[in-house]
Protein backbone atom coordinates (compact mmCIF):
# COMPACT_ATOMS: atom_id res chain seq x y z
CA MET A 1 31.96 28.77 -39.71
CA THR A 2 34.52 30.48 -41.94
CA ASP A 3 35.28 29.21 -45.43
CA GLU A 4 38.75 28.07 -44.38
CA ARG A 5 37.47 26.10 -41.38
CA GLU A 6 34.81 24.45 -43.54
CA ARG A 7 37.41 23.61 -46.19
CA LEU A 8 39.56 21.85 -43.60
CA ARG A 9 36.52 20.04 -42.20
CA GLN A 10 35.57 18.74 -45.64
CA GLN A 11 39.14 17.59 -46.24
CA MET A 12 38.99 15.63 -43.00
CA LEU A 13 35.59 14.13 -43.78
CA GLN A 14 36.65 12.43 -47.00
CA PRO A 15 39.23 9.98 -45.56
CA LEU A 16 37.16 9.50 -42.39
CA LEU A 17 34.03 8.47 -44.26
CA GLN A 18 36.06 6.03 -46.34
CA THR A 19 37.45 4.47 -43.15
CA ILE A 20 34.19 4.09 -41.19
CA GLN A 21 32.46 0.75 -41.64
CA SER A 22 29.79 0.71 -38.91
CA ASN A 23 28.26 2.65 -36.04
CA GLY A 24 30.22 2.96 -32.83
CA LEU A 25 33.88 3.14 -31.99
CA SER A 26 36.40 1.69 -34.42
CA GLU A 27 40.18 1.46 -34.68
CA THR A 28 42.18 2.99 -37.53
CA ASN A 29 45.52 2.05 -39.04
CA ILE A 30 47.05 4.97 -37.12
CA PRO A 31 48.26 3.84 -33.66
CA GLY A 32 46.34 5.54 -30.85
CA VAL A 33 43.72 7.04 -33.18
CA LYS A 34 40.07 5.91 -33.21
CA LEU A 35 36.86 7.02 -34.90
CA TYR A 36 33.35 7.23 -33.53
CA HIS A 37 30.40 7.23 -35.90
CA SER A 38 26.65 7.35 -35.39
CA ASP A 39 23.91 7.83 -37.97
CA GLY A 40 21.39 8.99 -35.37
CA PRO A 41 21.01 10.56 -31.92
CA THR A 42 21.56 8.34 -28.88
CA SER A 43 20.27 8.17 -25.32
CA ALA A 44 22.56 9.18 -22.46
CA THR A 45 25.03 6.32 -21.98
CA PRO A 46 27.41 5.94 -19.02
CA THR A 47 30.97 5.08 -20.02
CA ILE A 48 34.61 5.56 -19.02
CA TYR A 49 36.70 8.13 -20.84
CA GLN A 50 40.39 7.26 -20.99
CA PRO A 51 42.86 10.18 -21.35
CA ALA A 52 42.17 11.44 -24.85
CA LEU A 53 41.59 14.35 -27.19
CA CYS A 54 38.42 14.23 -29.27
CA LEU A 55 37.70 16.47 -32.25
CA LEU A 56 34.06 16.60 -33.27
CA VAL A 57 34.14 16.71 -37.07
CA GLN A 58 30.38 16.51 -37.59
CA GLY A 59 27.33 16.61 -35.32
CA SER A 60 27.01 17.60 -31.66
CA LYS A 61 27.14 15.86 -28.28
CA ARG A 62 26.31 16.44 -24.63
CA VAL A 63 28.50 15.05 -21.85
CA TRP A 64 27.85 14.86 -18.11
CA LEU A 65 30.69 14.67 -15.62
CA GLY A 66 29.14 14.30 -12.18
CA ASP A 67 26.73 17.23 -11.91
CA GLU A 68 28.50 19.23 -14.64
CA GLN A 69 27.12 19.33 -18.19
CA LEU A 70 29.11 20.21 -21.30
CA GLN A 71 28.01 20.42 -24.91
CA TYR A 72 30.27 20.60 -27.93
CA HIS A 73 29.74 21.02 -31.63
CA GLU A 74 31.50 20.73 -34.99
CA LEU A 75 35.17 21.72 -34.91
CA GLN A 76 35.25 21.92 -31.15
CA TYR A 77 37.41 19.53 -29.19
CA LEU A 78 36.94 17.82 -25.87
CA ILE A 79 40.01 16.94 -23.84
CA ALA A 80 40.18 14.61 -20.84
CA PRO A 81 43.70 14.39 -19.36
CA VAL A 82 42.67 11.75 -16.78
CA THR A 83 40.42 8.68 -16.69
CA LEU A 84 36.83 9.73 -15.95
CA PRO A 85 33.40 8.08 -15.64
CA VAL A 86 30.95 10.16 -17.67
CA SER A 87 27.64 9.94 -19.51
CA GLY A 88 27.45 10.95 -23.15
CA LYS A 89 24.55 11.65 -25.50
CA ILE A 90 24.78 12.37 -29.23
CA ILE A 91 22.17 15.04 -29.94
CA THR A 92 22.76 15.88 -33.62
CA ALA A 93 23.22 13.09 -36.17
CA SER A 94 21.40 11.61 -39.16
CA THR A 95 21.97 9.14 -41.98
CA ASP A 96 22.74 11.96 -44.40
CA ARG A 97 24.90 13.85 -41.91
CA PRO A 98 26.24 11.35 -39.36
CA TYR A 99 28.02 12.15 -36.14
CA ILE A 100 31.78 11.72 -36.66
CA ALA A 101 34.45 12.22 -34.02
CA LEU A 102 38.20 11.67 -34.14
CA LEU A 103 39.79 10.37 -30.90
CA ILE A 104 43.51 10.53 -30.13
CA ASN A 105 45.01 8.86 -27.06
CA LEU A 106 46.61 11.38 -24.72
CA ASP A 107 49.78 10.70 -22.74
CA LEU A 108 50.62 13.54 -20.39
CA ARG A 109 54.22 12.38 -20.19
CA GLU A 110 54.67 13.51 -23.78
CA LEU A 111 53.94 17.06 -22.64
CA THR A 112 56.97 17.28 -20.33
CA ASP A 113 59.56 18.46 -22.84
CA LEU A 114 57.10 20.80 -24.52
CA ILE A 115 56.11 22.48 -21.28
CA ILE A 116 59.77 23.13 -20.46
CA ASP A 117 60.31 24.62 -23.92
CA ILE A 118 57.26 26.91 -23.94
CA ALA A 119 56.77 27.65 -20.24
CA HIS A 120 57.18 31.37 -20.93
CA LYS A 121 54.32 31.29 -23.44
CA VAL A 122 51.64 29.71 -21.23
CA THR A 123 49.72 32.01 -18.90
CA PRO A 124 48.89 30.43 -15.50
CA SER A 125 45.20 29.69 -15.09
CA ALA A 126 43.14 31.49 -12.48
CA MET A 127 40.54 28.70 -12.71
CA PRO A 128 40.90 25.28 -11.02
CA ALA A 129 41.95 22.53 -13.41
CA ARG A 130 39.07 20.35 -14.58
CA GLY A 131 39.18 16.72 -15.62
CA ILE A 132 37.40 17.55 -18.84
CA ALA A 133 37.25 20.69 -20.98
CA VAL A 134 35.89 21.89 -24.31
CA GLY A 135 37.64 24.34 -26.63
CA ASP A 136 37.32 25.77 -30.14
CA ALA A 137 39.87 24.36 -32.58
CA ASP A 138 41.58 27.26 -34.34
CA LEU A 139 42.96 27.06 -37.86
CA CYS A 140 46.43 25.97 -36.71
CA LEU A 141 45.04 23.06 -34.69
CA LEU A 142 42.58 22.11 -37.42
CA SER A 143 45.46 21.99 -39.88
CA VAL A 144 47.18 19.39 -37.67
CA PHE A 145 44.02 17.30 -37.52
CA GLN A 146 43.62 17.57 -41.30
CA ARG A 147 47.17 16.35 -41.90
CA LEU A 148 46.61 13.55 -39.40
CA THR A 149 43.54 12.29 -41.27
CA GLN A 150 45.53 12.29 -44.52
CA LEU A 151 47.71 9.56 -42.98
CA LEU A 152 44.71 7.23 -43.29
CA GLN A 153 45.36 7.30 -47.03
CA SER A 154 49.15 7.11 -46.85
CA PRO A 155 49.99 4.50 -44.17
CA GLN A 156 53.62 4.38 -45.32
CA ASP A 157 54.06 7.88 -43.86
CA ILE A 158 52.69 7.04 -40.41
CA PRO A 159 55.96 5.97 -38.68
CA ILE A 160 57.71 9.21 -39.65
CA LEU A 161 54.96 11.82 -39.58
CA LEU A 162 52.77 10.65 -36.68
CA PRO A 163 55.25 11.58 -33.89
CA LEU A 164 55.76 15.02 -35.46
CA LEU A 165 52.03 15.65 -35.81
CA LYS A 166 51.30 14.56 -32.25
CA ARG A 167 53.99 16.88 -30.91
CA GLU A 168 52.60 19.80 -32.92
CA MET A 169 49.08 18.92 -31.74
CA LEU A 170 50.13 19.04 -28.09
CA TYR A 171 51.96 22.30 -28.72
CA ARG A 172 48.84 23.90 -30.23
CA LEU A 173 46.73 22.63 -27.33
CA LEU A 174 49.09 24.10 -24.75
CA LEU A 175 48.88 27.48 -26.45
CA GLY A 176 45.09 27.25 -26.77
CA PRO A 177 42.22 28.11 -24.39
CA VAL A 178 42.66 24.98 -22.23
CA GLY A 179 46.47 24.97 -22.28
CA SER A 180 47.04 26.43 -18.81
CA GLN A 181 44.62 23.96 -17.21
CA LEU A 182 46.16 21.06 -19.13
CA ARG A 183 49.59 22.05 -17.89
CA GLU A 184 48.37 21.82 -14.27
CA PHE A 185 48.07 18.05 -14.59
CA THR A 186 51.79 17.75 -15.35
CA GLN A 187 53.08 19.97 -12.52
CA ILE A 188 54.17 17.70 -9.67
CA ASP A 189 53.29 20.16 -6.90
CA SER A 190 49.86 21.10 -8.30
CA GLN A 191 46.53 19.95 -6.86
CA ALA A 192 45.47 18.63 -10.29
CA HIS A 193 48.57 16.41 -10.53
CA ARG A 194 47.97 15.08 -7.03
CA ILE A 195 44.37 14.24 -7.87
CA SER A 196 45.50 12.53 -11.09
CA LYS A 197 47.57 10.18 -8.91
CA VAL A 198 44.52 9.49 -6.72
CA ILE A 199 42.54 8.69 -9.88
CA GLU A 200 45.26 6.23 -10.91
CA MET A 201 45.00 4.53 -7.51
CA LEU A 202 41.21 4.29 -7.77
CA ASN A 203 41.50 2.79 -11.25
CA GLN A 204 43.95 0.18 -10.06
CA ARG A 205 42.02 -0.65 -6.86
CA TYR A 206 38.40 -0.03 -7.84
CA ASN A 207 37.36 -3.45 -6.45
CA GLN A 208 38.93 -2.83 -3.03
CA PRO A 209 37.41 -0.99 -0.04
CA LEU A 210 37.82 2.77 -0.29
CA ARG A 211 40.27 4.15 2.28
CA ILE A 212 40.15 7.93 2.17
CA LYS A 213 43.11 8.37 4.55
CA GLU A 214 45.30 6.22 2.30
CA LEU A 215 44.32 8.28 -0.74
CA ALA A 216 44.91 11.53 1.12
CA ASP A 217 48.31 10.39 2.35
CA ALA A 218 49.35 9.35 -1.17
CA ALA A 219 48.35 12.79 -2.49
CA HIS A 220 50.00 14.61 0.45
CA LEU A 221 46.67 16.25 1.27
CA SER A 222 44.41 16.37 4.28
CA GLU A 223 41.18 14.41 3.93
CA SER A 224 39.13 17.60 3.62
CA ALA A 225 41.52 19.01 0.99
CA LEU A 226 41.35 15.72 -0.91
CA PHE A 227 37.55 15.89 -1.09
CA GLN A 228 37.62 19.53 -2.19
CA SER A 229 40.30 19.05 -4.85
CA PHE A 230 38.84 15.77 -6.12
CA LYS A 231 35.44 17.41 -6.51
CA ALA A 232 37.03 20.36 -8.36
CA VAL A 233 38.66 18.04 -10.92
CA THR A 234 35.97 15.35 -11.33
CA SER A 235 32.70 16.98 -10.16
CA MET A 236 32.14 14.00 -7.84
CA SER A 237 33.39 12.52 -4.61
CA PRO A 238 35.95 9.66 -4.51
CA LEU A 239 33.15 7.27 -3.47
CA GLN A 240 30.93 8.30 -6.38
CA PHE A 241 33.90 7.99 -8.72
CA GLN A 242 34.74 4.49 -7.49
CA LYS A 243 31.10 3.41 -7.73
CA GLN A 244 30.90 4.39 -11.39
CA LEU A 245 34.19 2.62 -12.14
CA ARG A 246 32.83 -0.54 -10.52
CA LEU A 247 29.49 -0.46 -12.30
CA ASN A 248 31.01 0.22 -15.73
CA GLU A 249 33.50 -2.63 -15.24
CA ALA A 250 30.71 -4.97 -14.12
CA ARG A 251 28.79 -4.12 -17.27
CA ARG A 252 31.83 -4.88 -19.41
CA ILE A 253 32.35 -8.21 -17.63
CA MET A 254 28.74 -9.27 -18.18
CA LEU A 255 28.75 -8.19 -21.82
CA TYR A 256 32.08 -9.58 -22.95
CA GLU A 257 32.93 -12.32 -20.45
CA GLY A 258 29.41 -13.69 -20.10
CA LEU A 259 29.32 -13.69 -16.30
CA GLU A 260 26.09 -13.52 -14.32
CA ALA A 261 25.23 -10.32 -12.45
CA ALA A 262 25.96 -11.75 -9.00
CA THR A 263 29.38 -13.04 -10.05
CA ALA A 264 30.23 -9.74 -11.74
CA SER A 265 29.16 -7.78 -8.66
CA TYR A 266 31.50 -9.75 -6.39
CA LYS A 267 34.32 -9.42 -8.89
CA VAL A 268 34.15 -5.61 -8.88
CA GLY A 269 33.98 -5.36 -5.08
CA TYR A 270 30.30 -5.47 -4.11
CA GLU A 271 29.36 -7.64 -1.11
CA SER A 272 25.61 -7.41 -1.71
CA PRO A 273 24.11 -8.40 -5.11
CA SER A 274 20.90 -6.55 -4.22
CA GLN A 275 22.80 -3.32 -3.55
CA PHE A 276 24.69 -3.85 -6.81
CA SER A 277 21.41 -4.29 -8.71
CA ARG A 278 19.92 -1.12 -7.20
CA GLU A 279 22.95 1.01 -7.99
CA TYR A 280 23.33 -0.53 -11.45
CA SER A 281 19.68 0.27 -12.28
CA ARG A 282 20.15 3.82 -11.07
CA LEU A 283 23.16 4.39 -13.36
CA PHE A 284 22.15 2.46 -16.48
CA GLY A 285 18.35 2.80 -16.28
CA ALA A 286 17.57 -0.93 -16.07
CA PRO A 287 18.51 -3.97 -13.94
CA PRO A 288 21.71 -5.78 -15.00
CA LYS A 289 20.11 -8.64 -16.94
CA ALA A 290 17.70 -6.39 -18.85
CA ASP A 291 20.37 -3.78 -19.57
CA VAL A 292 22.84 -6.35 -20.92
CA ALA A 293 20.17 -7.91 -23.15
CA ARG A 294 19.19 -4.47 -24.45
CA PHE A 295 22.80 -3.47 -25.06
CA ARG A 296 23.59 -6.71 -26.96
CA GLN A 297 20.78 -5.96 -29.40
CA THR A 298 22.65 -2.82 -30.46
CA LEU A 299 25.99 -4.58 -31.07
């Protein structure tokens, strides 16, 4: 790590550490910006990533998307332009040097004007677009993150400076190592954009029976092309994707709405509580009742 990169990292750490109050995910006074903090390693935990950009300020983490594994470290960023079910495991963290990540909500619609303005600067990707990617934050991008964290200490500047910083952040991303793949998700005639629409449909209808032909028709793809493109973006099939959406939502319902496992299973679209329990145990490592009790002990 160069001296300049470390200097920027230290400047980010100061306001972040003053903002963090407990382990886990927390909101900040900056709209659309969250912090994640952990003072120790964690086990692999299934969750749903919403479209976001995450800068790892301190520590390291491993993420699984389907059968694909990614690992990222300090001053690397992870970007997910679409909603994705993943598993994540913090692998480097301690009380003296906690894991700290900065999360910024990502809205692909905000990229439209930028892409038009800088289309001549972005080289088309020869690789298929992925639903998740890791890149090294260069000095220009780190400078944007550093100025963003300074807003934590000057909230009066947020309404004016936040839109400018977000626009510059997107600009730097588009010119960076994942820029060409990110752009694919905004191009209406691209496979990645079509699959992003399928993902939206699955999110909205996760508790309904899966109809592959309907998804394929909506994406203007054949059924075989849908499977191939969906796998390229998400590393899983539409059925596997829907199953993880259902199970994560059932877990949320049991944790925060207090429903029993059988009721939660019906609510997310399962017809058989026994099948739900088997698939839940396979994903979360324990039956629903035991997993919820274990998870509540950590809250």
